N, C-alpha and C. Protein backbone atom coordinates (compact mmCIF):
# COMPACT_ATOMS: atom_id res chain seq x y z
N MET A 1 178.71 -26.48 31.28
CA MET A 1 178.87 -26.49 32.72
C MET A 1 177.93 -25.44 33.31
N SER A 2 177.24 -25.77 34.35
CA SER A 2 176.33 -24.83 35.00
C SER A 2 177.06 -24.04 36.07
N ASP A 3 176.38 -23.02 36.59
CA ASP A 3 176.96 -22.21 37.66
C ASP A 3 177.15 -23.00 38.95
N ALA A 4 176.53 -24.16 39.06
CA ALA A 4 176.63 -24.96 40.27
C ALA A 4 177.84 -25.89 40.27
N ASP A 5 178.62 -25.88 39.18
CA ASP A 5 179.79 -26.75 39.11
C ASP A 5 181.03 -26.04 39.64
N ILE A 6 181.89 -26.82 40.23
CA ILE A 6 183.19 -26.33 40.68
C ILE A 6 184.22 -27.08 39.86
N VAL A 7 185.08 -26.36 39.16
CA VAL A 7 186.10 -27.00 38.35
C VAL A 7 187.44 -26.85 39.05
N ILE A 8 188.07 -27.98 39.30
CA ILE A 8 189.38 -27.98 39.93
C ILE A 8 190.40 -28.34 38.85
N GLU A 9 191.23 -27.37 38.47
CA GLU A 9 192.22 -27.58 37.42
C GLU A 9 193.63 -27.45 37.98
N HIS A 10 193.82 -27.84 39.19
CA HIS A 10 195.09 -27.63 39.86
C HIS A 10 195.88 -28.93 39.86
N ASN A 11 197.00 -28.95 39.14
CA ASN A 11 197.78 -30.17 39.12
C ASN A 11 199.26 -29.92 39.41
N ARG A 12 199.56 -28.81 40.03
CA ARG A 12 200.94 -28.53 40.43
C ARG A 12 201.27 -29.29 41.71
N PRO A 13 202.55 -29.63 41.89
CA PRO A 13 202.91 -30.32 43.14
C PRO A 13 202.78 -29.38 44.34
N LEU A 14 202.50 -29.95 45.48
CA LEU A 14 202.40 -29.19 46.72
C LEU A 14 203.77 -28.66 47.12
N ARG A 15 203.84 -27.37 47.41
CA ARG A 15 205.08 -26.74 47.87
C ARG A 15 204.91 -26.46 49.36
N LEU A 16 205.93 -26.78 50.15
CA LEU A 16 205.83 -26.58 51.59
C LEU A 16 207.19 -26.23 52.15
N ALA A 17 207.19 -25.25 53.05
CA ALA A 17 208.42 -24.88 53.75
C ALA A 17 208.07 -24.56 55.19
N VAL A 18 209.02 -24.78 56.07
CA VAL A 18 208.89 -24.39 57.47
C VAL A 18 209.85 -23.23 57.67
N ALA A 19 209.32 -22.11 58.09
CA ALA A 19 210.12 -20.88 58.21
C ALA A 19 210.85 -20.83 59.54
N ASP A 20 211.81 -21.71 59.70
CA ASP A 20 212.63 -21.66 60.91
C ASP A 20 214.10 -21.50 60.54
N GLY A 21 214.34 -20.98 59.36
CA GLY A 21 215.69 -20.76 58.84
C GLY A 21 215.55 -20.22 57.43
N ASP A 22 216.56 -20.43 56.61
CA ASP A 22 216.49 -19.99 55.23
C ASP A 22 215.52 -20.86 54.45
N LEU A 23 214.69 -20.21 53.63
CA LEU A 23 213.77 -20.96 52.79
C LEU A 23 214.46 -21.27 51.47
N VAL A 24 214.57 -22.54 51.16
CA VAL A 24 215.24 -22.96 49.93
C VAL A 24 214.27 -23.85 49.16
N TRP A 25 213.93 -23.45 47.95
CA TRP A 25 213.07 -24.27 47.10
C TRP A 25 213.95 -25.13 46.22
N ASP A 26 213.46 -26.28 45.82
CA ASP A 26 214.28 -27.26 45.13
C ASP A 26 214.37 -27.10 43.62
N ASP A 27 213.82 -26.06 43.05
CA ASP A 27 213.94 -25.87 41.60
C ASP A 27 213.96 -24.39 41.27
N ARG A 28 213.92 -24.09 40.01
CA ARG A 28 214.07 -22.70 39.57
C ARG A 28 212.75 -21.99 39.32
N VAL A 29 211.63 -22.58 39.66
CA VAL A 29 210.35 -21.91 39.49
C VAL A 29 210.24 -20.81 40.53
N PRO A 30 210.00 -19.56 40.10
CA PRO A 30 209.87 -18.48 41.08
C PRO A 30 208.66 -18.71 41.99
N VAL A 31 208.82 -18.34 43.24
CA VAL A 31 207.76 -18.51 44.23
C VAL A 31 207.42 -17.14 44.81
N VAL A 32 206.13 -16.85 44.90
CA VAL A 32 205.65 -15.61 45.52
C VAL A 32 204.85 -15.99 46.76
N ARG A 33 205.21 -15.39 47.88
CA ARG A 33 204.49 -15.63 49.14
C ARG A 33 203.38 -14.60 49.28
N VAL A 34 202.20 -15.07 49.71
CA VAL A 34 201.08 -14.17 49.97
C VAL A 34 200.62 -14.34 51.41
N ARG A 35 200.09 -13.27 51.95
CA ARG A 35 199.54 -13.27 53.30
C ARG A 35 198.08 -12.83 53.23
N GLY A 36 197.27 -13.44 54.05
CA GLY A 36 195.88 -13.05 54.14
C GLY A 36 195.34 -13.46 55.49
N ASP A 37 194.31 -12.75 55.97
CA ASP A 37 193.82 -13.11 57.30
C ASP A 37 192.76 -14.21 57.27
N ASP A 38 192.34 -14.65 56.10
CA ASP A 38 191.43 -15.79 56.00
C ASP A 38 191.56 -16.41 54.60
N LEU A 39 190.87 -17.51 54.37
CA LEU A 39 191.00 -18.20 53.08
C LEU A 39 190.51 -17.36 51.91
N GLY A 40 189.46 -16.59 52.11
CA GLY A 40 188.96 -15.73 51.04
C GLY A 40 189.98 -14.68 50.64
N ASP A 41 190.60 -14.07 51.63
CA ASP A 41 191.64 -13.07 51.37
C ASP A 41 192.82 -13.71 50.64
N LEU A 42 193.24 -14.90 51.10
CA LEU A 42 194.33 -15.61 50.42
C LEU A 42 193.96 -15.93 48.97
N ALA A 43 192.73 -16.39 48.75
CA ALA A 43 192.30 -16.74 47.40
C ALA A 43 192.33 -15.53 46.48
N ARG A 44 191.85 -14.38 46.96
CA ARG A 44 191.86 -13.16 46.14
C ARG A 44 193.28 -12.73 45.81
N LYS A 45 194.15 -12.74 46.81
CA LYS A 45 195.54 -12.32 46.58
C LYS A 45 196.27 -13.29 45.66
N SER A 46 196.06 -14.57 45.84
CA SER A 46 196.69 -15.57 44.97
C SER A 46 196.22 -15.41 43.53
N ALA A 47 194.92 -15.21 43.35
CA ALA A 47 194.37 -15.04 42.00
C ALA A 47 194.98 -13.81 41.32
N ARG A 48 195.15 -12.75 42.08
CA ARG A 48 195.75 -11.53 41.53
C ARG A 48 197.19 -11.79 41.09
N VAL A 49 197.96 -12.49 41.95
CA VAL A 49 199.35 -12.80 41.60
C VAL A 49 199.39 -13.69 40.36
N ARG A 50 198.54 -14.70 40.30
CA ARG A 50 198.54 -15.62 39.15
C ARG A 50 198.14 -14.90 37.86
N ARG A 51 197.21 -13.96 37.97
CA ARG A 51 196.79 -13.20 36.80
C ARG A 51 197.95 -12.34 36.28
N ASP A 52 198.64 -11.67 37.22
CA ASP A 52 199.72 -10.76 36.84
C ASP A 52 201.02 -11.48 36.50
N ARG A 53 201.23 -12.64 37.12
CA ARG A 53 202.49 -13.38 36.93
C ARG A 53 202.22 -14.88 36.82
N PRO A 54 201.74 -15.34 35.68
CA PRO A 54 201.39 -16.76 35.53
C PRO A 54 202.58 -17.71 35.58
N ASP A 55 203.79 -17.18 35.56
CA ASP A 55 204.99 -18.01 35.57
C ASP A 55 205.45 -18.38 36.97
N VAL A 56 204.77 -17.91 38.00
CA VAL A 56 205.22 -18.15 39.37
C VAL A 56 204.29 -19.13 40.09
N GLU A 57 204.81 -19.71 41.15
CA GLU A 57 203.98 -20.50 42.06
C GLU A 57 203.68 -19.63 43.28
N VAL A 58 202.50 -19.78 43.82
CA VAL A 58 202.05 -18.96 44.94
C VAL A 58 201.95 -19.84 46.18
N VAL A 59 202.57 -19.38 47.27
CA VAL A 59 202.46 -20.09 48.54
C VAL A 59 201.91 -19.13 49.60
N ALA A 60 201.12 -19.67 50.50
CA ALA A 60 200.47 -18.89 51.54
C ALA A 60 201.27 -18.96 52.83
N ASP A 61 201.54 -17.82 53.44
CA ASP A 61 202.15 -17.78 54.76
C ASP A 61 201.08 -18.09 55.80
N ILE A 62 201.40 -19.00 56.72
CA ILE A 62 200.47 -19.36 57.80
C ILE A 62 201.25 -19.41 59.10
N ASP A 63 200.88 -18.57 60.06
CA ASP A 63 201.43 -18.68 61.41
C ASP A 63 200.81 -19.91 62.06
N VAL A 64 201.64 -20.70 62.76
CA VAL A 64 201.19 -22.00 63.24
C VAL A 64 201.48 -22.19 64.73
N VAL A 65 200.44 -22.58 65.47
CA VAL A 65 200.58 -23.04 66.85
C VAL A 65 199.87 -24.39 66.89
N ILE A 66 200.66 -25.47 67.03
CA ILE A 66 200.06 -26.80 67.08
C ILE A 66 200.58 -27.58 68.27
N ALA A 67 199.75 -28.52 68.70
CA ALA A 67 200.09 -29.45 69.78
C ALA A 67 199.31 -30.73 69.51
N ALA A 68 199.66 -31.78 70.21
CA ALA A 68 198.99 -33.07 70.02
C ALA A 68 197.49 -32.96 70.27
N GLU A 69 197.10 -32.12 71.19
CA GLU A 69 195.69 -31.89 71.50
C GLU A 69 195.36 -30.42 71.24
N ALA A 70 194.18 -30.15 70.69
CA ALA A 70 193.79 -28.78 70.35
C ALA A 70 193.79 -27.87 71.58
N TRP A 71 193.35 -28.39 72.73
CA TRP A 71 193.31 -27.56 73.94
C TRP A 71 194.71 -27.10 74.32
N ALA A 72 195.71 -27.96 74.11
CA ALA A 72 197.09 -27.61 74.44
C ALA A 72 197.61 -26.51 73.51
N ALA A 73 197.22 -26.57 72.24
CA ALA A 73 197.61 -25.52 71.29
C ALA A 73 196.97 -24.19 71.68
N ARG A 74 195.71 -24.24 72.09
CA ARG A 74 195.04 -23.00 72.53
C ARG A 74 195.71 -22.44 73.77
N ALA A 75 196.13 -23.31 74.68
CA ALA A 75 196.84 -22.86 75.88
C ALA A 75 198.18 -22.23 75.51
N MET A 76 198.89 -22.82 74.55
CA MET A 76 200.15 -22.23 74.08
C MET A 76 199.90 -20.85 73.50
N MET A 77 198.82 -20.72 72.76
CA MET A 77 198.49 -19.43 72.14
C MET A 77 198.17 -18.39 73.20
N ALA A 78 197.49 -18.80 74.25
CA ALA A 78 197.15 -17.87 75.32
C ALA A 78 198.41 -17.37 76.02
N ASP A 79 199.44 -18.21 76.07
CA ASP A 79 200.70 -17.82 76.71
C ASP A 79 201.64 -17.07 75.78
N ASP A 80 201.31 -17.00 74.50
CA ASP A 80 202.18 -16.37 73.50
C ASP A 80 201.93 -14.87 73.48
N SER A 81 202.96 -14.10 73.78
CA SER A 81 202.81 -12.65 73.80
C SER A 81 203.20 -12.02 72.47
N SER A 82 203.79 -12.79 71.54
CA SER A 82 204.18 -12.23 70.25
C SER A 82 202.94 -12.04 69.38
N GLU A 83 203.07 -11.16 68.41
CA GLU A 83 201.96 -10.90 67.51
C GLU A 83 202.23 -11.53 66.15
N THR A 84 201.15 -11.90 65.45
CA THR A 84 201.32 -12.42 64.10
C THR A 84 201.72 -11.28 63.19
N GLN A 85 202.34 -11.64 62.07
CA GLN A 85 202.61 -10.64 61.05
C GLN A 85 201.27 -10.07 60.62
N GLU A 86 201.27 -8.81 60.22
CA GLU A 86 200.02 -8.19 59.81
C GLU A 86 199.36 -8.99 58.69
N ARG A 87 198.08 -9.29 58.88
CA ARG A 87 197.26 -9.98 57.89
C ARG A 87 197.81 -11.35 57.51
N THR A 88 198.36 -12.06 58.48
CA THR A 88 198.80 -13.43 58.24
C THR A 88 197.82 -14.38 58.90
N MET A 89 197.37 -15.36 58.15
CA MET A 89 196.44 -16.33 58.70
C MET A 89 197.11 -17.09 59.85
N LEU A 90 196.34 -17.34 60.89
CA LEU A 90 196.84 -18.05 62.07
C LEU A 90 196.08 -19.35 62.21
N TYR A 91 196.82 -20.47 62.32
CA TYR A 91 196.21 -21.76 62.59
C TYR A 91 196.61 -22.20 63.99
N VAL A 92 195.61 -22.50 64.82
CA VAL A 92 195.83 -23.01 66.17
C VAL A 92 195.05 -24.32 66.27
N GLY A 93 195.76 -25.43 66.49
CA GLY A 93 195.07 -26.72 66.56
C GLY A 93 196.04 -27.88 66.55
N THR A 94 195.63 -28.95 65.89
CA THR A 94 196.41 -30.19 65.88
C THR A 94 197.20 -30.33 64.58
N PRO A 95 198.22 -31.19 64.59
CA PRO A 95 198.97 -31.45 63.36
C PRO A 95 198.08 -31.98 62.22
N THR A 96 197.16 -32.87 62.54
CA THR A 96 196.27 -33.41 61.51
C THR A 96 195.39 -32.32 60.91
N GLY A 97 194.89 -31.44 61.75
CA GLY A 97 194.08 -30.33 61.25
C GLY A 97 194.88 -29.40 60.35
N LEU A 98 196.12 -29.12 60.73
CA LEU A 98 196.98 -28.27 59.90
C LEU A 98 197.26 -28.94 58.56
N ALA A 99 197.54 -30.23 58.58
CA ALA A 99 197.78 -30.95 57.32
C ALA A 99 196.56 -30.88 56.42
N GLY A 100 195.38 -31.03 57.00
CA GLY A 100 194.14 -30.92 56.23
C GLY A 100 193.96 -29.55 55.63
N LEU A 101 194.27 -28.50 56.39
CA LEU A 101 194.15 -27.14 55.89
C LEU A 101 195.08 -26.92 54.70
N VAL A 102 196.34 -27.32 54.84
CA VAL A 102 197.31 -27.14 53.76
C VAL A 102 196.89 -27.94 52.52
N ALA A 103 196.45 -29.18 52.73
CA ALA A 103 196.00 -30.01 51.60
C ALA A 103 194.79 -29.39 50.91
N ASP A 104 193.86 -28.84 51.68
CA ASP A 104 192.69 -28.19 51.09
C ASP A 104 193.07 -26.94 50.31
N ILE A 105 193.96 -26.12 50.87
CA ILE A 105 194.42 -24.91 50.18
C ILE A 105 195.02 -25.29 48.83
N HIS A 106 195.78 -26.37 48.81
CA HIS A 106 196.41 -26.83 47.56
C HIS A 106 195.38 -27.45 46.62
N ALA A 107 194.55 -28.35 47.12
CA ALA A 107 193.59 -29.05 46.27
C ALA A 107 192.58 -28.11 45.63
N LEU A 108 192.19 -27.07 46.35
CA LEU A 108 191.23 -26.11 45.82
C LEU A 108 191.87 -25.06 44.93
N GLY A 109 193.20 -25.10 44.81
CA GLY A 109 193.89 -24.15 43.94
C GLY A 109 194.01 -22.76 44.53
N ILE A 110 193.78 -22.63 45.83
CA ILE A 110 193.95 -21.33 46.47
C ILE A 110 195.41 -20.92 46.41
N ALA A 111 196.31 -21.86 46.67
CA ALA A 111 197.75 -21.62 46.58
C ALA A 111 198.43 -22.95 46.23
N ASP A 112 199.68 -22.84 45.80
CA ASP A 112 200.45 -24.04 45.44
C ASP A 112 201.05 -24.71 46.66
N GLY A 113 200.90 -24.10 47.81
CA GLY A 113 201.43 -24.66 49.04
C GLY A 113 201.46 -23.61 50.12
N ALA A 114 202.35 -23.82 51.10
CA ALA A 114 202.38 -22.93 52.25
C ALA A 114 203.78 -22.80 52.82
N VAL A 115 204.00 -21.66 53.44
CA VAL A 115 205.16 -21.46 54.30
C VAL A 115 204.59 -21.45 55.71
N LEU A 116 204.95 -22.47 56.48
CA LEU A 116 204.45 -22.59 57.85
C LEU A 116 205.42 -21.88 58.78
N ILE A 117 204.89 -20.92 59.53
CA ILE A 117 205.70 -20.09 60.41
C ILE A 117 205.42 -20.52 61.85
N PRO A 118 206.33 -21.32 62.44
CA PRO A 118 206.09 -21.85 63.78
C PRO A 118 206.11 -20.75 64.83
N ARG A 119 205.14 -20.82 65.74
CA ARG A 119 205.09 -19.90 66.88
C ARG A 119 205.07 -20.75 68.13
N GLY A 120 206.16 -20.76 68.82
CA GLY A 120 206.22 -21.53 70.06
C GLY A 120 207.27 -22.61 70.01
N ALA A 121 207.74 -22.96 71.19
CA ALA A 121 208.78 -23.98 71.33
C ALA A 121 208.27 -25.33 70.85
N GLY A 122 209.07 -26.00 70.05
CA GLY A 122 208.74 -27.34 69.60
C GLY A 122 207.79 -27.42 68.42
N VAL A 123 207.24 -26.30 67.98
CA VAL A 123 206.26 -26.34 66.89
C VAL A 123 206.91 -26.76 65.58
N ALA A 124 208.11 -26.25 65.28
CA ALA A 124 208.78 -26.63 64.03
C ALA A 124 209.04 -28.14 64.00
N ASP A 125 209.49 -28.69 65.12
CA ASP A 125 209.74 -30.13 65.18
C ASP A 125 208.45 -30.92 65.00
N LEU A 126 207.37 -30.46 65.61
CA LEU A 126 206.08 -31.15 65.49
C LEU A 126 205.57 -31.09 64.05
N ILE A 127 205.83 -29.99 63.36
CA ILE A 127 205.45 -29.91 61.95
C ILE A 127 206.15 -31.01 61.17
N ARG A 128 207.45 -31.14 61.39
CA ARG A 128 208.23 -32.15 60.65
C ARG A 128 207.82 -33.57 61.03
N GLU A 129 207.57 -33.80 62.32
CA GLU A 129 207.28 -35.15 62.80
C GLU A 129 205.84 -35.60 62.58
N ALA A 130 204.90 -34.67 62.66
CA ALA A 130 203.49 -35.08 62.64
C ALA A 130 202.67 -34.51 61.48
N VAL A 131 203.05 -33.36 60.95
CA VAL A 131 202.28 -32.77 59.84
C VAL A 131 202.74 -33.35 58.50
N LEU A 132 204.04 -33.39 58.27
CA LEU A 132 204.55 -33.85 56.97
C LEU A 132 204.11 -35.27 56.62
N PRO A 133 204.15 -36.24 57.56
CA PRO A 133 203.68 -37.58 57.20
C PRO A 133 202.19 -37.61 56.80
N VAL A 134 201.37 -36.83 57.49
CA VAL A 134 199.94 -36.78 57.15
C VAL A 134 199.76 -36.14 55.77
N LEU A 135 200.50 -35.07 55.51
CA LEU A 135 200.41 -34.42 54.20
C LEU A 135 200.83 -35.36 53.08
N GLN A 136 201.85 -36.15 53.31
CA GLN A 136 202.27 -37.11 52.29
C GLN A 136 201.16 -38.10 51.99
N THR A 137 200.43 -38.51 52.99
CA THR A 137 199.30 -39.42 52.79
C THR A 137 198.16 -38.72 52.07
N LEU A 138 197.83 -37.49 52.49
CA LEU A 138 196.71 -36.77 51.90
C LEU A 138 196.95 -36.40 50.44
N THR A 139 198.19 -36.14 50.08
CA THR A 139 198.48 -35.69 48.71
C THR A 139 198.99 -36.82 47.82
N ALA A 140 198.92 -38.06 48.29
CA ALA A 140 199.43 -39.20 47.52
C ALA A 140 198.48 -39.65 46.42
N ALA A 141 197.22 -39.25 46.49
CA ALA A 141 196.26 -39.67 45.47
C ALA A 141 196.64 -39.06 44.13
N PRO A 142 196.54 -39.83 43.04
CA PRO A 142 196.92 -39.30 41.73
C PRO A 142 195.96 -38.23 41.25
N ALA A 143 196.50 -37.26 40.53
CA ALA A 143 195.68 -36.21 39.93
C ALA A 143 195.32 -36.63 38.51
N PHE A 144 194.07 -36.47 38.13
CA PHE A 144 193.63 -36.88 36.81
C PHE A 144 193.25 -35.69 35.94
N GLY A 145 193.74 -34.50 36.26
CA GLY A 145 193.42 -33.33 35.46
C GLY A 145 192.14 -32.68 35.93
N PRO A 146 191.58 -31.80 35.09
CA PRO A 146 190.37 -31.06 35.48
C PRO A 146 189.21 -32.00 35.79
N GLN A 147 188.52 -31.69 36.86
CA GLN A 147 187.38 -32.50 37.28
C GLN A 147 186.23 -31.56 37.61
N ALA A 148 185.06 -31.85 37.10
CA ALA A 148 183.89 -31.06 37.46
C ALA A 148 183.14 -31.82 38.53
N ARG A 149 182.79 -31.12 39.58
CA ARG A 149 182.06 -31.75 40.68
C ARG A 149 180.85 -30.89 41.01
N PRO A 150 179.73 -31.49 41.30
CA PRO A 150 178.57 -30.69 41.70
C PRO A 150 178.85 -29.96 43.00
N ALA A 151 178.37 -28.74 43.08
CA ALA A 151 178.59 -27.94 44.29
C ALA A 151 177.61 -28.33 45.36
C-alpha cells in the first residue's frame, strides 16, 4: 500500500443518541464521549481513547441547530444566547447535512457515532423526524471489511 491510499477498517454499527434526556445505550459495550471543536480535533481525541481503551466505543458530542432551510437554522443560531459546551463541535444547517456529517464521521472511523445535543425549540423532534430516516438510508449499505481507496 502506498502513502496515497486510505484504508477504512471501520465496521462497527453506528451509535446515535439525542441528548434531550437520559442517554441509554442498548448493550453493554462501554461508550466514551469525546468533544472537539472540529473534525481534526475529534479524530485526534478519538484515536487517543481507542489507543488507551480499545474495548470502548467512541461517540462525538455535537451541538446541533437545524431547520428545514439552512438560512432558518442560521437565524435560530443568531437568536440563541446560550453558549456551546467548551470545545464542542457545532453544526448549524439542515437535517440532511447533519445526517451526512454523522455518516461521514462514522464511515471514516473518526468515531463510532454521535451524541446530538439539540439547541433550540423543536430541534430534538426534527432530529428524530428528519435526520434519523436519512441516516438509516445512508448507513444501509453493507460493509465488506477493509477497503483501500486511492486518495
